[in-house]
Amino acid sequence: MSVSDQAIARAIVDRVHERGLDATCCPSEIARDIASEEGGCDWRELMPRVRQAAVDLAHRQRIEIRQRGEQVDPDNFSGPIRLGLPRV
């Protein structure tokens, strides 16, 4: 798969900005979009890279990682997550 880590990060940032402050997105949405752009590759293979890009972006305070509507520590979470703009 030829998609770069930068392209994945850009896709995440673009999506959370599209959604605005009051909404979030699922990392699988990002993976599915990228997979369809890449010619129908399996989006599940992208999920670890999307989640890692989300962690990197959260460390730089470009996005928040949330569970049940609450921000979580990017270094200490498991299970389903949502991505959103940082709430200040």
N, C-alpha and C. Protein backbone atom coordinates (compact mmCIF):
# COMPACT_ATOMS: atom_id res chain seq x y z
N MET A 1 0.84 -1.17 0.00
CA MET A 1 0.00 0.00 0.00
C MET A 1 0.89 1.24 0.00
N SER A 2 0.59 2.17 -0.85
CA SER A 2 1.49 3.29 -1.08
C SER A 2 1.13 4.55 -0.32
N VAL A 3 0.11 4.53 0.50
CA VAL A 3 -0.28 5.74 1.22
C VAL A 3 0.75 6.04 2.31
N SER A 4 1.12 7.31 2.41
CA SER A 4 2.14 7.71 3.38
C SER A 4 1.50 8.02 4.74
N ASP A 5 2.33 8.01 5.77
CA ASP A 5 1.85 8.36 7.10
C ASP A 5 1.36 9.80 7.12
N GLN A 6 2.01 10.67 6.36
CA GLN A 6 1.59 12.07 6.28
C GLN A 6 0.20 12.19 5.65
N ALA A 7 -0.06 11.38 4.64
CA ALA A 7 -1.38 11.40 4.00
C ALA A 7 -2.46 10.92 4.96
N ILE A 8 -2.15 9.94 5.77
CA ILE A 8 -3.10 9.46 6.76
C ILE A 8 -3.38 10.56 7.79
N ALA A 9 -2.33 11.19 8.28
CA ALA A 9 -2.51 12.28 9.25
C ALA A 9 -3.32 13.42 8.65
N ARG A 10 -3.04 13.75 7.42
CA ARG A 10 -3.78 14.83 6.74
C ARG A 10 -5.26 14.46 6.61
N ALA A 11 -5.54 13.20 6.28
CA ALA A 11 -6.92 12.75 6.16
C ALA A 11 -7.66 12.85 7.50
N ILE A 12 -6.98 12.54 8.58
CA ILE A 12 -7.59 12.66 9.91
C ILE A 12 -7.90 14.12 10.22
N VAL A 13 -6.92 14.97 10.04
CA VAL A 13 -7.11 16.40 10.35
C VAL A 13 -8.22 16.99 9.48
N ASP A 14 -8.21 16.65 8.20
CA ASP A 14 -9.26 17.15 7.31
C ASP A 14 -10.63 16.71 7.79
N ARG A 15 -10.77 15.44 8.16
CA ARG A 15 -12.07 14.91 8.56
C ARG A 15 -12.57 15.57 9.85
N VAL A 16 -11.71 15.72 10.85
CA VAL A 16 -12.19 16.33 12.09
C VAL A 16 -12.54 17.80 11.89
N HIS A 17 -11.84 18.47 10.99
CA HIS A 17 -12.19 19.86 10.68
C HIS A 17 -13.52 19.93 9.94
N GLU A 18 -13.77 18.99 9.06
CA GLU A 18 -15.06 18.93 8.36
C GLU A 18 -16.21 18.75 9.36
N ARG A 19 -15.98 17.95 10.38
CA ARG A 19 -17.03 17.66 11.36
C ARG A 19 -17.28 18.83 12.31
N GLY A 20 -16.24 19.62 12.59
CA GLY A 20 -16.40 20.74 13.51
C GLY A 20 -16.26 20.33 14.97
N LEU A 21 -16.45 21.31 15.84
CA LEU A 21 -16.22 21.11 17.27
C LEU A 21 -17.21 20.16 17.92
N ASP A 22 -18.41 20.08 17.41
CA ASP A 22 -19.45 19.32 18.09
C ASP A 22 -19.59 17.88 17.62
N ALA A 23 -18.72 17.45 16.72
CA ALA A 23 -18.85 16.09 16.18
C ALA A 23 -17.49 15.41 16.15
N THR A 24 -17.54 14.09 16.04
CA THR A 24 -16.32 13.28 15.97
C THR A 24 -16.43 12.32 14.79
N CYS A 25 -15.36 11.61 14.54
CA CYS A 25 -15.39 10.57 13.52
C CYS A 25 -14.71 9.33 14.06
N CYS A 26 -15.02 8.23 13.44
CA CYS A 26 -14.42 6.96 13.80
C CYS A 26 -13.18 6.75 12.94
N PRO A 27 -12.10 6.24 13.51
CA PRO A 27 -10.91 5.97 12.70
C PRO A 27 -11.19 5.07 11.50
N SER A 28 -12.17 4.20 11.61
CA SER A 28 -12.48 3.31 10.48
C SER A 28 -13.00 4.10 9.28
N GLU A 29 -13.64 5.24 9.52
CA GLU A 29 -14.08 6.09 8.41
C GLU A 29 -12.88 6.56 7.59
N ILE A 30 -11.84 6.94 8.29
CA ILE A 30 -10.62 7.40 7.62
C ILE A 30 -10.02 6.24 6.83
N ALA A 31 -9.90 5.09 7.47
CA ALA A 31 -9.30 3.93 6.81
C ALA A 31 -10.11 3.52 5.58
N ARG A 32 -11.43 3.55 5.69
CA ARG A 32 -12.28 3.17 4.56
C ARG A 32 -12.12 4.14 3.39
N ASP A 33 -12.07 5.43 3.69
CA ASP A 33 -11.89 6.43 2.64
C ASP A 33 -10.56 6.25 1.92
N ILE A 34 -9.50 6.08 2.69
CA ILE A 34 -8.17 5.91 2.10
C ILE A 34 -8.14 4.63 1.26
N ALA A 35 -8.71 3.56 1.80
CA ALA A 35 -8.71 2.28 1.07
C ALA A 35 -9.43 2.41 -0.26
N SER A 36 -10.55 3.12 -0.27
CA SER A 36 -11.28 3.26 -1.53
C SER A 36 -10.51 4.12 -2.52
N GLU A 37 -9.78 5.11 -2.02
CA GLU A 37 -8.95 5.94 -2.90
C GLU A 37 -7.76 5.16 -3.44
N GLU A 38 -7.32 4.18 -2.68
CA GLU A 38 -6.15 3.39 -3.07
C GLU A 38 -6.53 2.19 -3.94
N GLY A 39 -7.74 2.15 -4.40
CA GLY A 39 -8.12 1.07 -5.30
C GLY A 39 -8.77 -0.11 -4.63
N GLY A 40 -9.43 0.12 -3.51
CA GLY A 40 -10.19 -0.94 -2.89
C GLY A 40 -9.39 -1.89 -2.03
N CYS A 41 -8.24 -1.49 -1.53
CA CYS A 41 -7.50 -2.37 -0.63
C CYS A 41 -8.31 -2.55 0.66
N ASP A 42 -7.94 -3.50 1.47
CA ASP A 42 -8.66 -3.81 2.69
C ASP A 42 -8.42 -2.71 3.72
N TRP A 43 -9.47 -2.00 4.10
CA TRP A 43 -9.34 -0.90 5.05
C TRP A 43 -8.85 -1.37 6.42
N ARG A 44 -9.13 -2.62 6.77
CA ARG A 44 -8.70 -3.12 8.08
C ARG A 44 -7.18 -3.12 8.23
N GLU A 45 -6.49 -3.31 7.10
CA GLU A 45 -5.02 -3.28 7.15
C GLU A 45 -4.50 -1.89 7.51
N LEU A 46 -5.28 -0.86 7.24
CA LEU A 46 -4.87 0.50 7.53
C LEU A 46 -5.13 0.92 8.98
N MET A 47 -5.97 0.20 9.67
CA MET A 47 -6.39 0.63 11.01
C MET A 47 -5.24 0.86 11.99
N PRO A 48 -4.25 0.00 12.09
CA PRO A 48 -3.15 0.29 13.02
C PRO A 48 -2.43 1.60 12.67
N ARG A 49 -2.26 1.87 11.39
CA ARG A 49 -1.59 3.11 10.99
C ARG A 49 -2.45 4.33 11.26
N VAL A 50 -3.75 4.20 11.06
CA VAL A 50 -4.66 5.32 11.35
C VAL A 50 -4.66 5.61 12.85
N ARG A 51 -4.74 4.58 13.65
CA ARG A 51 -4.73 4.77 15.10
C ARG A 51 -3.40 5.36 15.58
N GLN A 52 -2.29 4.93 14.99
CA GLN A 52 -0.99 5.49 15.38
C GLN A 52 -0.90 6.95 14.97
N ALA A 53 -1.38 7.29 13.79
CA ALA A 53 -1.39 8.69 13.34
C ALA A 53 -2.24 9.53 14.27
N ALA A 54 -3.37 8.98 14.74
CA ALA A 54 -4.22 9.70 15.68
C ALA A 54 -3.48 9.96 16.99
N VAL A 55 -2.76 8.97 17.47
CA VAL A 55 -1.97 9.15 18.70
C VAL A 55 -0.93 10.26 18.50
N ASP A 56 -0.23 10.23 17.38
CA ASP A 56 0.78 11.26 17.09
C ASP A 56 0.15 12.64 17.03
N LEU A 57 -1.00 12.75 16.37
CA LEU A 57 -1.69 14.04 16.27
C LEU A 57 -2.20 14.50 17.64
N ALA A 58 -2.65 13.58 18.46
CA ALA A 58 -3.12 13.94 19.81
C ALA A 58 -1.96 14.45 20.65
N HIS A 59 -0.79 13.86 20.51
CA HIS A 59 0.39 14.35 21.24
C HIS A 59 0.74 15.77 20.84
N ARG A 60 0.48 16.10 19.60
CA ARG A 60 0.77 17.47 19.12
C ARG A 60 -0.44 18.39 19.29
N GLN A 61 -1.47 17.89 19.96
CA GLN A 61 -2.69 18.64 20.27
C GLN A 61 -3.42 19.15 19.03
N ARG A 62 -3.31 18.39 17.93
CA ARG A 62 -4.05 18.72 16.71
C ARG A 62 -5.43 18.11 16.73
N ILE A 63 -5.59 16.99 17.46
CA ILE A 63 -6.89 16.33 17.62
C ILE A 63 -7.00 15.82 19.05
N GLU A 64 -8.20 15.36 19.40
CA GLU A 64 -8.41 14.63 20.65
C GLU A 64 -8.85 13.22 20.33
N ILE A 65 -8.44 12.31 21.16
CA ILE A 65 -8.94 10.95 21.11
C ILE A 65 -9.95 10.84 22.24
N ARG A 66 -11.16 10.36 21.91
CA ARG A 66 -12.23 10.30 22.91
C ARG A 66 -12.84 8.91 22.99
N GLN A 67 -13.31 8.62 24.18
CA GLN A 67 -14.12 7.44 24.44
C GLN A 67 -15.31 7.89 25.28
N ARG A 68 -16.50 7.50 24.84
CA ARG A 68 -17.73 7.89 25.54
C ARG A 68 -17.80 9.41 25.72
N GLY A 69 -17.30 10.14 24.73
CA GLY A 69 -17.38 11.60 24.76
C GLY A 69 -16.31 12.30 25.57
N GLU A 70 -15.46 11.55 26.24
CA GLU A 70 -14.43 12.13 27.09
C GLU A 70 -13.05 11.92 26.48
N GLN A 71 -12.21 12.94 26.59
CA GLN A 71 -10.84 12.84 26.09
C GLN A 71 -10.09 11.78 26.89
N VAL A 72 -9.28 10.99 26.18
CA VAL A 72 -8.46 9.97 26.84
C VAL A 72 -6.98 10.27 26.60
N ASP A 73 -6.17 9.72 27.45
CA ASP A 73 -4.72 9.83 27.31
C ASP A 73 -4.30 9.06 26.06
N PRO A 74 -3.62 9.71 25.11
CA PRO A 74 -3.24 9.00 23.89
C PRO A 74 -2.28 7.83 24.12
N ASP A 75 -1.67 7.78 25.30
CA ASP A 75 -0.76 6.68 25.61
C ASP A 75 -1.40 5.59 26.46
N ASN A 76 -2.69 5.78 26.80
CA ASN A 76 -3.30 4.83 27.72
C ASN A 76 -4.79 4.68 27.43
N PHE A 77 -5.09 3.98 26.35
CA PHE A 77 -6.48 3.69 26.03
C PHE A 77 -6.53 2.36 25.30
N SER A 78 -7.71 1.78 25.29
CA SER A 78 -7.94 0.58 24.50
C SER A 78 -9.40 0.58 24.09
N GLY A 79 -9.68 -0.15 23.06
CA GLY A 79 -11.05 -0.26 22.60
C GLY A 79 -11.44 0.81 21.60
N PRO A 80 -12.73 0.94 21.35
CA PRO A 80 -13.23 1.87 20.34
C PRO A 80 -12.94 3.32 20.73
N ILE A 81 -12.58 4.09 19.74
CA ILE A 81 -12.29 5.51 19.96
C ILE A 81 -13.00 6.35 18.91
N ARG A 82 -13.09 7.63 19.19
CA ARG A 82 -13.58 8.63 18.25
C ARG A 82 -12.52 9.73 18.21
N LEU A 83 -12.46 10.42 17.08
CA LEU A 83 -11.48 11.49 16.90
C LEU A 83 -12.22 12.81 16.71
N GLY A 84 -11.72 13.84 17.36
CA GLY A 84 -12.37 15.14 17.25
C GLY A 84 -11.37 16.27 17.39
N LEU A 85 -11.88 17.47 17.16
CA LEU A 85 -11.05 18.66 17.35
C LEU A 85 -10.80 18.86 18.85
N PRO A 86 -9.67 19.42 19.18
CA PRO A 86 -9.40 19.70 20.61
C PRO A 86 -10.41 20.71 21.15
N ARG A 87 -10.92 20.42 22.33
CA ARG A 87 -11.81 21.35 23.01
C ARG A 87 -10.97 22.16 23.98
N VAL A 88 -11.05 23.44 23.86
CA VAL A 88 -10.25 24.30 24.73
C VAL A 88 -11.10 25.10 25.67
